[in-house]
Amino acid sequence: MAIDIKEIKELAKRFTPEQIENCITQQIKTGKNVCIRDASAEVIINELSKAEFVRELMDGGMSLADALRELARRMRLIQKGFTE
């Protein structure tokens, strides 16, 4: 699944990790949430999870660009583990 950097940036800027977590919970429980609409549940949960990770790094003092790079690095490590 492709990563939507623009969507993740916007979510990470707009919502706190707690708000994003609430959106994930809403999506799982009700099939709807206030953070993202107009996508499948799988896409919504994936994008929210990525945005939550990025926002947590930002709240820890990392820049948005560095947080996105760290997300991409970790995703590559996971993907590499599945292909070896």
PDB file of N, CA and C in Angstrom:
ATOM      1  N   MET A   1       0.844  -1.184   0.000  1.00  0.00           N
ATOM      2  CA  MET A   1       0.000   0.000   0.000  1.00  0.00           C
ATOM      3  C   MET A   1       0.885   1.241   0.000  1.00  0.00           C
ATOM      4  N   ALA A   2       0.586   2.150  -0.863  1.00  0.00           N
ATOM      5  CA  ALA A   2       1.376   3.369  -0.983  1.00  0.00           C
ATOM      6  C   ALA A   2       1.097   4.308   0.193  1.00  0.00           C
ATOM      7  N   ILE A   3       2.107   5.023   0.572  1.00  0.00           N
ATOM      8  CA  ILE A   3       1.978   5.987   1.656  1.00  0.00           C
ATOM      9  C   ILE A   3       1.582   7.345   1.067  1.00  0.00           C
ATOM     10  N   ASP A   4       0.585   7.961   1.632  1.00  0.00           N
ATOM     11  CA  ASP A   4       0.134   9.275   1.176  1.00  0.00           C
ATOM     12  C   ASP A   4       0.748  10.332   2.091  1.00  0.00           C
ATOM     13  N   ILE A   5       1.912  10.831   1.692  1.00  0.00           N
ATOM     14  CA  ILE A   5       2.670  11.780   2.518  1.00  0.00           C
ATOM     15  C   ILE A   5       1.856  13.038   2.820  1.00  0.00           C
ATOM     16  N   LYS A   6       1.169  13.573   1.823  1.00  0.00           N
ATOM     17  CA  LYS A   6       0.401  14.800   2.032  1.00  0.00           C
ATOM     18  C   LYS A   6      -0.668  14.598   3.108  1.00  0.00           C
ATOM     19  N   GLU A   7      -1.372  13.488   3.028  1.00  0.00           N
ATOM     20  CA  GLU A   7      -2.420  13.184   4.012  1.00  0.00           C
ATOM     21  C   GLU A   7      -1.828  13.031   5.409  1.00  0.00           C
ATOM     22  N   ILE A   8      -0.727  12.325   5.509  1.00  0.00           N
ATOM     23  CA  ILE A   8      -0.084  12.104   6.804  1.00  0.00           C
ATOM     24  C   ILE A   8       0.413  13.419   7.392  1.00  0.00           C
ATOM     25  N   LYS A   9       1.009  14.265   6.561  1.00  0.00           N
ATOM     26  CA  LYS A   9       1.462  15.588   7.037  1.00  0.00           C
ATOM     27  C   LYS A   9       0.299  16.381   7.621  1.00  0.00           C
ATOM     28  N   GLU A  10      -0.787  16.439   6.880  1.00  0.00           N
ATOM     29  CA  GLU A  10      -1.948  17.218   7.323  1.00  0.00           C
ATOM     30  C   GLU A  10      -2.529  16.674   8.617  1.00  0.00           C
ATOM     31  N   LEU A  11      -2.666  15.364   8.704  1.00  0.00           N
ATOM     32  CA  LEU A  11      -3.195  14.757   9.923  1.00  0.00           C
ATOM     33  C   LEU A  11      -2.278  15.008  11.112  1.00  0.00           C
ATOM     34  N   ALA A  12      -0.973  14.854  10.898  1.00  0.00           N
ATOM     35  CA  ALA A  12      -0.005  15.053  11.985  1.00  0.00           C
ATOM     36  C   ALA A  12       0.009  16.500  12.466  1.00  0.00           C
ATOM     37  N   LYS A  13      -0.212  17.437  11.561  1.00  0.00           N
ATOM     38  CA  LYS A  13      -0.252  18.854  11.944  1.00  0.00           C
ATOM     39  C   LYS A  13      -1.553  19.197  12.663  1.00  0.00           C
ATOM     40  N   ARG A  14      -2.644  18.603  12.228  1.00  0.00           N
ATOM     41  CA  ARG A  14      -3.965  18.979  12.703  1.00  0.00           C
ATOM     42  C   ARG A  14      -4.389  18.346  14.015  1.00  0.00           C
ATOM     43  N   PHE A  15      -3.942  17.116  14.263  1.00  0.00           N
ATOM     44  CA  PHE A  15      -4.445  16.373  15.419  1.00  0.00           C
ATOM     45  C   PHE A  15      -3.315  15.937  16.343  1.00  0.00           C
ATOM     46  N   THR A  16      -3.639  15.828  17.625  1.00  0.00           N
ATOM     47  CA  THR A  16      -2.698  15.287  18.605  1.00  0.00           C
ATOM     48  C   THR A  16      -2.706  13.760  18.483  1.00  0.00           C
ATOM     49  N   PRO A  17      -1.693  13.091  19.039  1.00  0.00           N
ATOM     50  CA  PRO A  17      -1.730  11.625  19.017  1.00  0.00           C
ATOM     51  C   PRO A  17      -2.996  11.056  19.665  1.00  0.00           C
ATOM     52  N   GLU A  18      -3.459  11.690  20.725  1.00  0.00           N
ATOM     53  CA  GLU A  18      -4.660  11.216  21.407  1.00  0.00           C
ATOM     54  C   GLU A  18      -5.892  11.362  20.517  1.00  0.00           C
ATOM     55  N   GLN A  19      -5.990  12.476  19.799  1.00  0.00           N
ATOM     56  CA  GLN A  19      -7.116  12.678  18.890  1.00  0.00           C
ATOM     57  C   GLN A  19      -7.078  11.654  17.753  1.00  0.00           C
ATOM     58  N   ILE A  20      -5.890  11.382  17.245  1.00  0.00           N
ATOM     59  CA  ILE A  20      -5.757  10.395  16.172  1.00  0.00           C
ATOM     60  C   ILE A  20      -6.138   9.015  16.691  1.00  0.00           C
ATOM     61  N   GLU A  21      -5.684   8.678  17.880  1.00  0.00           N
ATOM     62  CA  GLU A  21      -6.047   7.389  18.476  1.00  0.00           C
ATOM     63  C   GLU A  21      -7.562   7.281  18.647  1.00  0.00           C
ATOM     64  N   ASN A  22      -8.199   8.365  19.037  1.00  0.00           N
ATOM     65  CA  ASN A  22      -9.662   8.364  19.157  1.00  0.00           C
ATOM     66  C   ASN A  22     -10.322   8.127  17.800  1.00  0.00           C
ATOM     67  N   CYS A  23      -9.765   8.695  16.747  1.00  0.00           N
ATOM     68  CA  CYS A  23     -10.301   8.481  15.405  1.00  0.00           C
ATOM     69  C   CYS A  23     -10.145   7.024  14.984  1.00  0.00           C
ATOM     70  N   ILE A  24      -9.019   6.417  15.330  1.00  0.00           N
ATOM     71  CA  ILE A  24      -8.817   4.991  15.021  1.00  0.00           C
ATOM     72  C   ILE A  24      -9.860   4.162  15.759  1.00  0.00           C
ATOM     73  N   THR A  25     -10.054   4.465  17.034  1.00  0.00           N
ATOM     74  CA  THR A  25     -11.046   3.741  17.836  1.00  0.00           C
ATOM     75  C   THR A  25     -12.448   3.927  17.275  1.00  0.00           C
ATOM     76  N   GLN A  26     -12.802   5.166  16.905  1.00  0.00           N
ATOM     77  CA  GLN A  26     -14.109   5.426  16.300  1.00  0.00           C
ATOM     78  C   GLN A  26     -14.282   4.621  15.023  1.00  0.00           C
ATOM     79  N   GLN A  27     -13.250   4.590  14.197  1.00  0.00           N
ATOM     80  CA  GLN A  27     -13.326   3.873  12.926  1.00  0.00           C
ATOM     81  C   GLN A  27     -13.568   2.388  13.161  1.00  0.00           C
ATOM     82  N   ILE A  28     -12.857   1.827  14.114  1.00  0.00           N
ATOM     83  CA  ILE A  28     -13.003   0.401  14.410  1.00  0.00           C
ATOM     84  C   ILE A  28     -14.389   0.098  14.979  1.00  0.00           C
ATOM     85  N   LYS A  29     -14.850   0.943  15.906  1.00  0.00           N
ATOM     86  CA  LYS A  29     -16.131   0.683  16.582  1.00  0.00           C
ATOM     87  C   LYS A  29     -17.344   1.012  15.728  1.00  0.00           C
ATOM     88  N   THR A  30     -17.280   2.120  14.984  1.00  0.00           N
ATOM     89  CA  THR A  30     -18.486   2.594  14.299  1.00  0.00           C
ATOM     90  C   THR A  30     -18.381   2.593  12.782  1.00  0.00           C
ATOM     91  N   GLY A  31     -17.162   2.443  12.262  1.00  0.00           N
ATOM     92  CA  GLY A  31     -16.972   2.511  10.816  1.00  0.00           C
ATOM     93  C   GLY A  31     -16.861   3.929  10.300  1.00  0.00           C
ATOM     94  N   LYS A  32     -16.812   4.899  11.213  1.00  0.00           N
ATOM     95  CA  LYS A  32     -16.697   6.310  10.852  1.00  0.00           C
ATOM     96  C   LYS A  32     -15.760   6.994  11.837  1.00  0.00           C
ATOM     97  N   ASN A  33     -15.206   8.133  11.418  1.00  0.00           N
ATOM     98  CA  ASN A  33     -14.382   8.939  12.310  1.00  0.00           C
ATOM     99  C   ASN A  33     -14.368  10.370  11.798  1.00  0.00           C
ATOM    100  N   VAL A  34     -13.877  11.292  12.606  1.00  0.00           N
ATOM    101  CA  VAL A  34     -13.876  12.708  12.220  1.00  0.00           C
ATOM    102  C   VAL A  34     -12.566  13.158  11.577  1.00  0.00           C
ATOM    103  N   CYS A  35     -11.558  12.275  11.526  1.00  0.00           N
ATOM    104  CA  CYS A  35     -10.251  12.662  10.977  1.00  0.00           C
ATOM    105  C   CYS A  35     -10.168  12.477   9.465  1.00  0.00           C
ATOM    106  N   ILE A  36     -10.578  11.319   8.969  1.00  0.00           N
ATOM    107  CA  ILE A  36     -10.502  10.996   7.541  1.00  0.00           C
ATOM    108  C   ILE A  36     -11.836  10.401   7.114  1.00  0.00           C
ATOM    109  N   ARG A  37     -12.243  10.763   5.913  1.00  0.00           N
ATOM    110  CA  ARG A  37     -13.458  10.186   5.331  1.00  0.00           C
ATOM    111  C   ARG A  37     -13.161   9.770   3.906  1.00  0.00           C
ATOM    112  N   ASP A  38     -14.122   9.155   3.286  1.00  0.00           N
ATOM    113  CA  ASP A  38     -14.040   8.809   1.858  1.00  0.00           C
ATOM    114  C   ASP A  38     -12.894   7.862   1.519  1.00  0.00           C
ATOM    115  N   ALA A  39     -12.691   6.845   2.344  1.00  0.00           N
ATOM    116  CA  ALA A  39     -11.705   5.809   2.045  1.00  0.00           C
ATOM    117  C   ALA A  39     -12.156   4.534   2.751  1.00  0.00           C
ATOM    118  N   SER A  40     -11.541   3.427   2.385  1.00  0.00           N
ATOM    119  CA  SER A  40     -11.871   2.166   3.040  1.00  0.00           C
ATOM    120  C   SER A  40     -11.348   2.188   4.478  1.00  0.00           C
ATOM    121  N   ALA A  41     -11.925   1.359   5.317  1.00  0.00           N
ATOM    122  CA  ALA A  41     -11.503   1.294   6.713  1.00  0.00           C
ATOM    123  C   ALA A  41     -10.017   0.959   6.822  1.00  0.00           C
ATOM    124  N   GLU A  42      -9.530   0.063   5.976  1.00  0.00           N
ATOM    125  CA  GLU A  42      -8.123  -0.320   6.004  1.00  0.00           C
ATOM    126  C   GLU A  42      -7.218   0.873   5.706  1.00  0.00           C
ATOM    127  N   VAL A  43      -7.551   1.642   4.688  1.00  0.00           N
ATOM    128  CA  VAL A  43      -6.763   2.818   4.318  1.00  0.00           C
ATOM    129  C   VAL A  43      -6.811   3.850   5.442  1.00  0.00           C
ATOM    130  N   ILE A  44      -7.980   4.077   5.987  1.00  0.00           N
ATOM    131  CA  ILE A  44      -8.138   5.063   7.063  1.00  0.00           C
ATOM    132  C   ILE A  44      -7.285   4.692   8.267  1.00  0.00           C
ATOM    133  N   ILE A  45      -7.362   3.466   8.703  1.00  0.00           N
ATOM    134  CA  ILE A  45      -6.602   3.044   9.883  1.00  0.00           C
ATOM    135  C   ILE A  45      -5.104   3.103   9.610  1.00  0.00           C
ATOM    136  N   ASN A  46      -4.681   2.699   8.426  1.00  0.00           N
ATOM    137  CA  ASN A  46      -3.259   2.780   8.071  1.00  0.00           C
ATOM    138  C   ASN A  46      -2.757   4.220   8.096  1.00  0.00           C
ATOM    139  N   GLU A  47      -3.490   5.117   7.463  1.00  0.00           N
ATOM    140  CA  GLU A  47      -3.054   6.521   7.398  1.00  0.00           C
ATOM    141  C   GLU A  47      -3.059   7.158   8.781  1.00  0.00           C
ATOM    142  N   LEU A  48      -4.091   6.880   9.573  1.00  0.00           N
ATOM    143  CA  LEU A  48      -4.147   7.438  10.926  1.00  0.00           C
ATOM    144  C   LEU A  48      -3.000   6.911  11.785  1.00  0.00           C
ATOM    145  N   SER A  49      -2.690   5.651  11.663  1.00  0.00           N
ATOM    146  CA  SER A  49      -1.595   5.070  12.446  1.00  0.00           C
ATOM    147  C   SER A  49      -0.259   5.712  12.094  1.00  0.00           C
ATOM    148  N   LYS A  50      -0.039   5.921  10.819  1.00  0.00           N
ATOM    149  CA  LYS A  50       1.198   6.573  10.377  1.00  0.00           C
ATOM    150  C   LYS A  50       1.259   8.016  10.876  1.00  0.00           C
ATOM    151  N   ALA A  51       0.142   8.714  10.778  1.00  0.00           N
ATOM    152  CA  ALA A  51       0.097  10.104  11.238  1.00  0.00           C
ATOM    153  C   ALA A  51       0.317  10.188  12.744  1.00  0.00           C
ATOM    154  N   GLU A  52      -0.243   9.242  13.479  1.00  0.00           N
ATOM    155  CA  GLU A  52      -0.056   9.236  14.932  1.00  0.00           C
ATOM    156  C   GLU A  52       1.423   9.049  15.277  1.00  0.00           C
ATOM    157  N   PHE A  53       2.097   8.134  14.595  1.00  0.00           N
ATOM    158  CA  PHE A  53       3.526   7.899  14.820  1.00  0.00           C
ATOM    159  C   PHE A  53       4.330   9.164  14.526  1.00  0.00           C
ATOM    160  N   VAL A  54       4.051   9.794  13.396  1.00  0.00           N
ATOM    161  CA  VAL A  54       4.759  11.019  13.007  1.00  0.00           C
ATOM    162  C   VAL A  54       4.522  12.117  14.034  1.00  0.00           C
ATOM    163  N   ARG A  55       3.284  12.283  14.458  1.00  0.00           N
ATOM    164  CA  ARG A  55       2.967  13.339  15.433  1.00  0.00           C
ATOM    165  C   ARG A  55       3.657  13.096  16.772  1.00  0.00           C
ATOM    166  N   GLU A  56       3.721  11.837  17.191  1.00  0.00           N
ATOM    167  CA  GLU A  56       4.414  11.531  18.442  1.00  0.00           C
ATOM    168  C   GLU A  56       5.895  11.901  18.351  1.00  0.00           C
ATOM    169  N   LEU A  57       6.513  11.620  17.212  1.00  0.00           N
ATOM    170  CA  LEU A  57       7.917  12.016  17.029  1.00  0.00           C
ATOM    171  C   LEU A  57       8.058  13.538  17.048  1.00  0.00           C
ATOM    172  N   MET A  58       7.126  14.226  16.402  1.00  0.00           N
ATOM    173  CA  MET A  58       7.156  15.686  16.381  1.00  0.00           C
ATOM    174  C   MET A  58       6.990  16.247  17.792  1.00  0.00           C
ATOM    175  N   ASP A  59       6.075  15.662  18.558  1.00  0.00           N
ATOM    176  CA  ASP A  59       5.872  16.122  19.931  1.00  0.00           C
ATOM    177  C   ASP A  59       7.100  15.872  20.790  1.00  0.00           C
ATOM    178  N   GLY A  60       7.926  14.913  20.372  1.00  0.00           N
ATOM    179  CA  GLY A  60       9.181  14.635  21.079  1.00  0.00           C
ATOM    180  C   GLY A  60      10.326  15.522  20.634  1.00  0.00           C
ATOM    181  N   GLY A  61      10.064  16.454  19.724  1.00  0.00           N
ATOM    182  CA  GLY A  61      11.071  17.415  19.318  1.00  0.00           C
ATOM    183  C   GLY A  61      11.619  17.229  17.913  1.00  0.00           C
ATOM    184  N   MET A  62      11.164  16.221  17.214  1.00  0.00           N
ATOM    185  CA  MET A  62      11.656  15.979  15.858  1.00  0.00           C
ATOM    186  C   MET A  62      10.904  16.864  14.860  1.00  0.00           C
ATOM    187  N   SER A  63      11.590  17.292  13.819  1.00  0.00           N
ATOM    188  CA  SER A  63      10.920  18.086  12.785  1.00  0.00           C
ATOM    189  C   SER A  63       9.989  17.179  11.982  1.00  0.00           C
ATOM    190  N   LEU A  64       9.029  17.789  11.296  1.00  0.00           N
ATOM    191  CA  LEU A  64       8.096  17.031  10.469  1.00  0.00           C
ATOM    192  C   LEU A  64       8.857  16.231   9.414  1.00  0.00           C
ATOM    193  N   ALA A  65       9.815  16.851   8.749  1.00  0.00           N
ATOM    194  CA  ALA A  65      10.579  16.161   7.711  1.00  0.00           C
ATOM    195  C   ALA A  65      11.336  14.965   8.290  1.00  0.00           C
ATOM    196  N   ASP A  66      11.974  15.147   9.431  1.00  0.00           N
ATOM    197  CA  ASP A  66      12.716  14.045  10.045  1.00  0.00           C
ATOM    198  C   ASP A  66      11.775  12.937  10.518  1.00  0.00           C
ATOM    199  N   ALA A  67      10.614  13.317  11.028  1.00  0.00           N
ATOM    200  CA  ALA A  67       9.632  12.322  11.472  1.00  0.00           C
ATOM    201  C   ALA A  67       9.126  11.500  10.285  1.00  0.00           C
ATOM    202  N   LEU A  68       8.893  12.144   9.158  1.00  0.00           N
ATOM    203  CA  LEU A  68       8.465  11.425   7.953  1.00  0.00           C
ATOM    204  C   LEU A  68       9.562  10.492   7.455  1.00  0.00           C
ATOM    205  N   ARG A  69      10.810  10.944   7.520  1.00  0.00           N
ATOM    206  CA  ARG A  69      11.928  10.084   7.121  1.00  0.00           C
ATOM    207  C   ARG A  69      12.028   8.860   8.033  1.00  0.00           C
ATOM    208  N   GLU A  70      11.822   9.071   9.320  1.00  0.00           N
ATOM    209  CA  GLU A  70      11.881   7.960  10.267  1.00  0.00           C
ATOM    210  C   GLU A  70      10.746   6.964   9.991  1.00  0.00           C
ATOM    211  N   LEU A  71       9.571   7.459   9.701  1.00  0.00           N
ATOM    212  CA  LEU A  71       8.456   6.582   9.334  1.00  0.00           C
ATOM    213  C   LEU A  71       8.825   5.762   8.105  1.00  0.00           C
ATOM    214  N   ALA A  72       9.344   6.406   7.083  1.00  0.00           N
ATOM    215  CA  ALA A  72       9.724   5.707   5.855  1.00  0.00           C
ATOM    216  C   ALA A  72      10.821   4.675   6.125  1.00  0.00           C
ATOM    217  N   ARG A  73      11.775   5.028   6.957  1.00  0.00           N
ATOM    218  CA  ARG A  73      12.867   4.104   7.291  1.00  0.00           C
ATOM    219  C   ARG A  73      12.312   2.855   7.961  1.00  0.00           C
ATOM    220  N   ARG A  74      11.431   3.048   8.917  1.00  0.00           N
ATOM    221  CA  ARG A  74      10.861   1.902   9.635  1.00  0.00           C
ATOM    222  C   ARG A  74       9.980   1.046   8.728  1.00  0.00           C
ATOM    223  N   MET A  75       9.258   1.689   7.830  1.00  0.00           N
ATOM    224  CA  MET A  75       8.433   0.939   6.894  1.00  0.00           C
ATOM    225  C   MET A  75       9.313   0.088   5.974  1.00  0.00           C
ATOM    226  N   ARG A  76      10.435   0.655   5.530  1.00  0.00           N
ATOM    227  CA  ARG A  76      11.358  -0.114   4.683  1.00  0.00           C
ATOM    228  C   ARG A  76      11.923  -1.309   5.436  1.00  0.00           C
ATOM    229  N   LEU A  77      12.267  -1.129   6.712  1.00  0.00           N
ATOM    230  CA  LEU A  77      12.792  -2.231   7.518  1.00  0.00           C
ATOM    231  C   LEU A  77      11.766  -3.353   7.634  1.00  0.00           C
ATOM    232  N   ILE A  78      10.525  -2.984   7.862  1.00  0.00           N
ATOM    233  CA  ILE A  78       9.462  -3.986   7.974  1.00  0.00           C
ATOM    234  C   ILE A  78       9.277  -4.709   6.649  1.00  0.00           C
ATOM    235  N   GLN A  79       9.235  -3.956   5.563  1.00  0.00           N
ATOM    236  CA  GLN A  79       9.051  -4.568   4.246  1.00  0.00           C
ATOM    237  C   GLN A  79      10.226  -5.475   3.897  1.00  0.00           C
ATOM    238  N   LYS A  80      11.413  -5.057   4.263  1.00  0.00           N
ATOM    239  CA  LYS A  80      12.596  -5.853   3.996  1.00  0.00           C
ATOM    240  C   LYS A  80      12.517  -7.184   4.743  1.00  0.00           C
ATOM    241  N   GLY A  81      12.014  -7.135   5.949  1.00  0.00           N
ATOM    242  CA  GLY A  81      11.856  -8.349   6.744  1.00  0.00           C
ATOM    243  C   GLY A  81      10.890  -9.336   6.112  1.00  0.00           C
ATOM    244  N   PHE A  82       9.911  -8.844   5.406  1.00  0.00           N
ATOM    245  CA  PHE A  82       8.936  -9.714   4.768  1.00  0.00           C
ATOM    246  C   PHE A  82       9.439 -10.281   3.445  1.00  0.00           C
ATOM    247  N   THR A  83      10.456  -9.664   2.842  1.00  0.00           N
ATOM    248  CA  THR A  83      10.918 -10.116   1.533  1.00  0.00           C
ATOM    249  C   THR A  83      12.161 -11.005   1.609  1.00  0.00           C
ATOM    250  N   GLU A  84      12.796 -11.072   2.761  1.00  0.00           N
ATOM    251  CA  GLU A  84      14.007 -11.879   2.868  1.00  0.00           C
ATOM    252  C   GLU A  84      13.682 -13.291   3.285  1.00  0.00           C
TER     253      GLU A  84
END
